[in-house]
Amino acid sequence: MIFIGIALLVALALTFLISSNAGAMIGLAEQDFGQLVILIAVLVLVAGGAFGRRIKLGEMLSGIVMWGAIFAAIIIGYSFRTDFERFGARLWAQLSPGAGYVDAESGTVMFSRDTNDHFVINAKINGVEKQFLFDTGASSIVLTADSARAAGFDPSRLIYSIPVQTANGQTEAALIKLDRIEVGGIVRENIDAMVARPEALNANLLGMNYLQTLRGFSVEGDRLTFTD
C-alpha cells in the first residue's frame, strides 16, 4: 500500500510537470523530456520491487532517498548532456592530440601539444586520413611520398624541381594539387601542395598556404586553435 501511494504521488508530480512545460524549465525539448518521463516511469516500476515486501520505516526512507537521488541524477544528466558531450570531446582531444576538439557553434577546432612538444593534426587528403605537423615555417602543405601515394599520386611520375628545406636538410619537391583536404570539419578544395622526394621527409607538414585560408589560428600554451 505504501508503494502504491508513492507511485501515485510520483505519477501526479509527473503529470503536473508535463502540464507545466517542465521540459522547457530544465532545458529539454518536448521530445527529450518525454523520453525522460518514460525512463523515470520504468525506474519507478523497478523500484517497486523494493517495496513489494514488508520493510522497516528506516529502510523505506533510505530507499526513497536513494531513488530520489537516482531520479535527480537522471534529470541533471539530461539537462547538461550537451556540456557532458563537449567535456568528453575535450578530454579525448587531450588524450589523443591529433584528433582535435571541434566546436561547431564557434567554428573552431582545438588541438593539444603532444609529448614531443609538437602539434599533431589528423587531416583527410582526398578522403585518406593522415597525420600532419603544424608548421608555420613551411610555405605549403608538404606530403611524404607514402602519403602522396595513399592520396592517389604516383611519386615515381612526379617532377621534383622545387628546392625545399626540411629537418633532414635541403631537398626537392614536386608540385601537386589536392582535390580536398579536411581538418576537423574545415574543408578546402583544389589546394596546392608539394610532395618531397622519397625518404626525404619523415612527416607531413601543414603549412601556410592552408593556414592562410583560415579566419585565424592561434597558439596559447599547449593549445592550438583554428578558426574558420
Protein backbone atom coordinates (compact mmCIF):
# COMPACT_ATOMS: atom_id res chain seq x y z
CA MET A 1 0.00 0.00 0.00
CA ILE A 2 2.82 2.38 0.83
CA PHE A 3 4.39 1.80 -2.60
CA ILE A 4 1.06 2.40 -4.32
CA GLY A 5 0.75 5.72 -2.52
CA ILE A 6 4.29 6.73 -3.51
CA ALA A 7 3.69 5.66 -7.12
CA LEU A 8 0.52 7.76 -7.24
CA LEU A 9 2.38 10.76 -5.87
CA VAL A 10 5.11 10.32 -8.48
CA ALA A 11 2.51 10.00 -11.24
CA LEU A 12 0.73 13.14 -10.06
CA ALA A 13 4.03 15.02 -9.88
CA LEU A 14 4.96 13.95 -13.41
CA THR A 15 1.53 14.98 -14.69
CA PHE A 16 1.95 18.40 -13.11
CA LEU A 17 5.44 18.80 -14.55
CA ILE A 18 4.34 17.85 -18.05
CA SER A 19 1.34 20.17 -17.97
CA SER A 20 3.57 22.98 -16.72
CA ASN A 21 6.02 22.58 -19.59
CA ALA A 22 8.77 21.35 -17.28
CA GLY A 23 10.93 20.32 -20.20
CA ALA A 24 11.49 23.95 -21.09
CA MET A 25 12.19 24.83 -17.45
CA ILE A 26 15.04 22.31 -17.20
CA GLY A 27 16.37 22.97 -20.69
CA LEU A 28 14.86 19.97 -22.51
CA ALA A 29 12.96 19.81 -25.77
CA GLU A 30 9.47 18.34 -25.55
CA GLN A 31 10.56 15.07 -27.20
CA ASP A 32 13.59 14.72 -24.92
CA PHE A 33 11.50 15.38 -21.83
CA GLY A 34 9.01 12.75 -22.95
CA GLN A 35 11.83 10.21 -23.16
CA LEU A 36 12.97 11.23 -19.69
CA VAL A 37 9.47 10.70 -18.28
CA ILE A 38 9.34 7.20 -19.79
CA LEU A 39 12.75 6.37 -18.30
CA ILE A 40 11.69 7.57 -14.86
CA ALA A 41 8.46 5.58 -15.10
CA VAL A 42 10.46 2.42 -15.84
CA LEU A 43 12.69 3.09 -12.86
CA VAL A 44 9.63 3.59 -10.66
CA LEU A 45 8.37 0.16 -11.69
CA VAL A 46 11.77 -1.37 -10.95
CA ALA A 47 11.84 0.39 -7.62
CA GLY A 48 8.50 -1.23 -6.84
CA GLY A 49 10.31 -4.48 -6.23
CA ALA A 50 11.99 -2.91 -3.24
CA PHE A 51 8.63 -2.10 -1.67
CA GLY A 52 6.89 -5.34 -2.56
CA ARG A 53 7.77 -6.82 0.82
CA ARG A 54 7.37 -5.64 4.38
CA ILE A 55 10.29 -3.39 5.31
CA LYS A 56 11.14 -1.20 8.24
CA LEU A 57 10.48 2.52 8.17
CA GLY A 58 14.22 3.30 8.19
CA GLU A 59 14.84 1.04 5.21
CA MET A 60 11.91 2.57 3.37
CA LEU A 61 13.21 6.10 3.93
CA SER A 62 16.68 5.06 2.77
CA GLY A 63 15.14 3.60 -0.38
CA ILE A 64 13.19 6.79 -1.05
CA VAL A 65 16.35 8.88 -0.67
CA MET A 66 18.31 6.52 -2.94
CA TRP A 67 15.73 6.56 -5.73
CA GLY A 68 15.26 10.29 -5.35
CA ALA A 69 19.00 10.73 -5.88
CA ILE A 70 18.85 8.48 -8.95
CA PHE A 71 15.97 10.47 -10.45
CA ALA A 72 17.78 13.75 -9.73
CA ALA A 73 20.96 12.43 -11.39
CA ILE A 74 18.96 11.43 -14.47
CA ILE A 75 17.37 14.87 -14.75
CA ILE A 76 20.73 16.60 -14.30
CA GLY A 77 22.34 14.27 -16.85
CA TYR A 78 19.64 15.05 -19.42
CA SER A 79 19.77 18.78 -18.74
CA PHE A 80 23.55 19.04 -19.13
CA ARG A 81 24.12 16.26 -21.66
CA THR A 82 25.46 18.70 -24.28
CA ASP A 83 28.01 20.02 -21.79
CA PHE A 84 28.99 16.46 -20.89
CA GLU A 85 29.45 15.65 -24.59
CA ARG A 86 31.69 18.69 -25.03
CA PHE A 87 33.69 17.76 -21.95
CA GLY A 88 34.15 14.24 -23.31
CA ALA A 89 35.31 15.60 -26.66
CA ARG A 90 37.79 17.94 -24.95
CA LEU A 91 39.09 15.07 -22.84
CA TRP A 92 39.52 12.92 -25.95
CA ALA A 93 41.41 15.78 -27.63
CA GLN A 94 43.77 15.85 -24.65
CA LEU A 95 44.32 12.09 -24.66
CA SER A 96 44.60 11.86 -28.46
CA PRO A 97 46.17 15.16 -29.60
CA GLY A 98 45.79 14.61 -33.34
CA ALA A 99 42.04 14.09 -33.10
CA GLY A 100 41.25 17.68 -32.12
CA TYR A 101 38.14 19.11 -30.48
CA VAL A 102 35.55 20.57 -32.85
CA ASP A 103 33.21 23.32 -31.63
CA ALA A 104 30.70 23.68 -34.46
CA GLU A 105 28.96 26.66 -32.85
CA SER A 106 32.07 28.83 -32.81
CA GLY A 107 33.61 27.30 -35.95
CA THR A 108 36.81 26.35 -34.15
CA VAL A 109 39.00 23.26 -33.91
CA MET A 110 41.38 22.84 -30.97
CA PHE A 111 44.46 20.61 -30.83
CA SER A 112 46.72 19.79 -27.88
CA ARG A 113 50.50 19.70 -27.91
CA ASP A 114 51.87 16.15 -27.81
CA THR A 115 54.60 14.74 -25.60
CA ASN A 116 57.23 15.65 -28.22
CA ASP A 117 56.21 19.32 -27.99
CA HIS A 118 54.58 19.23 -31.44
CA PHE A 119 51.05 19.92 -32.60
CA VAL A 120 49.96 16.77 -34.43
CA ILE A 121 46.89 17.16 -36.62
CA ASN A 122 44.72 14.47 -38.18
CA ALA A 123 43.61 15.52 -41.66
CA LYS A 124 41.97 13.86 -44.63
CA ILE A 125 43.62 14.37 -48.02
CA ASN A 126 41.49 13.20 -50.94
CA GLY A 127 39.49 11.17 -48.41
CA VAL A 128 42.51 9.45 -46.82
CA GLU A 129 43.32 10.25 -43.18
CA LYS A 130 46.93 11.14 -42.42
CA GLN A 131 48.76 12.89 -39.62
CA PHE A 132 50.39 16.29 -40.13
CA LEU A 133 52.66 18.53 -38.12
CA PHE A 134 51.58 22.14 -37.68
CA ASP A 135 54.41 24.13 -39.27
CA THR A 136 54.28 27.89 -39.84
CA GLY A 137 57.80 27.66 -41.24
CA ALA A 138 56.55 25.66 -44.23
CA SER A 139 55.19 27.80 -47.05
CA SER A 140 52.97 24.99 -48.30
CA ILE A 141 51.36 21.70 -47.43
CA VAL A 142 54.11 19.12 -47.87
CA LEU A 143 53.46 15.38 -48.14
CA THR A 144 55.75 12.43 -47.76
CA ALA A 145 55.95 10.16 -50.78
CA ASP A 146 53.98 7.47 -48.94
CA SER A 147 51.14 9.87 -48.08
CA ALA A 148 51.06 11.17 -51.64
CA ARG A 149 50.74 7.60 -52.91
CA ALA A 150 47.85 6.96 -50.49
CA ALA A 151 46.14 10.12 -51.78
CA GLY A 152 46.26 8.84 -55.36
CA PHE A 153 49.56 10.19 -56.71
CA ASP A 154 52.43 8.15 -58.14
CA PRO A 155 55.66 9.56 -56.62
CA SER A 156 57.75 7.99 -59.38
CA ARG A 157 55.96 10.05 -62.04
CA LEU A 158 56.26 13.41 -60.29
CA ILE A 159 58.79 16.09 -61.24
CA TYR A 160 60.89 17.14 -58.24
CA SER A 161 62.08 20.60 -59.22
CA ILE A 162 61.23 22.86 -56.25
CA PRO A 163 64.00 23.27 -53.66
CA VAL A 164 62.76 22.93 -50.07
CA GLN A 165 64.42 22.93 -46.67
CA THR A 166 63.47 20.13 -44.27
CA ALA A 167 64.69 18.92 -40.90
CA ASN A 168 66.89 16.48 -42.82
CA GLY A 169 68.42 19.22 -44.94
CA GLN A 170 67.68 20.62 -48.38
CA THR A 171 65.87 18.51 -50.96
CA GLU A 172 63.50 18.90 -53.89
CA ALA A 173 59.73 18.63 -54.01
CA ALA A 174 57.09 18.19 -56.69
CA LEU A 175 54.05 20.44 -57.03
CA ILE A 176 50.62 18.77 -56.95
CA LYS A 177 47.03 19.87 -56.39
CA LEU A 178 44.86 18.20 -53.78
CA ASP A 179 41.20 17.78 -54.64
CA ARG A 180 40.27 18.13 -50.99
CA ILE A 181 41.78 18.49 -47.54
CA GLU A 182 39.71 18.36 -44.37
CA VAL A 183 40.92 19.31 -40.90
CA GLY A 184 38.37 18.90 -38.11
CA GLY A 185 35.48 19.65 -40.45
CA ILE A 186 37.26 22.62 -42.09
CA VAL A 187 37.37 21.76 -45.79
CA ARG A 188 39.43 23.27 -48.57
CA GLU A 189 39.27 22.11 -52.18
CA ASN A 190 41.67 22.37 -55.13
CA ILE A 191 44.57 23.47 -52.97
CA ASP A 192 48.24 23.31 -53.93
CA ALA A 193 50.62 21.02 -52.09
CA MET A 194 54.10 19.61 -52.53
CA VAL A 195 55.50 16.11 -52.33
CA ALA A 196 59.02 15.63 -51.01
CA ARG A 197 61.36 13.15 -52.64
CA PRO A 198 61.02 9.62 -51.25
CA GLU A 199 62.83 9.21 -47.90
CA ALA A 200 63.48 12.96 -47.68
CA LEU A 201 60.68 13.77 -45.22
CA ASN A 202 59.55 11.91 -42.10
CA ALA A 203 56.20 13.63 -41.55
CA ASN A 204 53.56 15.55 -43.48
CA LEU A 205 53.57 19.31 -42.89
CA LEU A 206 50.51 21.54 -42.67
CA GLY A 207 51.97 24.77 -44.00
CA MET A 208 50.99 28.37 -44.58
CA ASN A 209 49.08 28.00 -47.84
CA TYR A 210 46.43 26.12 -45.84
CA LEU A 211 46.73 28.16 -42.64
CA GLN A 212 46.25 31.43 -44.53
CA THR A 213 42.84 30.27 -45.74
CA LEU A 214 41.60 30.24 -42.13
CA ARG A 215 39.96 33.21 -40.47
CA GLY A 216 42.58 32.80 -37.79
CA PHE A 217 44.82 30.44 -35.87
CA SER A 218 46.47 30.88 -32.50
CA VAL A 219 48.74 29.09 -30.06
CA GLU A 220 48.12 29.56 -26.34
CA GLY A 221 50.28 27.40 -24.13
CA ASP A 222 49.68 23.79 -25.13
CA ARG A 223 46.61 24.59 -27.21
CA LEU A 224 46.40 25.29 -30.94
CA THR A 225 43.11 26.71 -32.25
CA PHE A 226 41.91 27.02 -35.84
CA THR A 227 39.01 29.38 -36.59
CA ASP A 228 37.12 29.11 -39.87
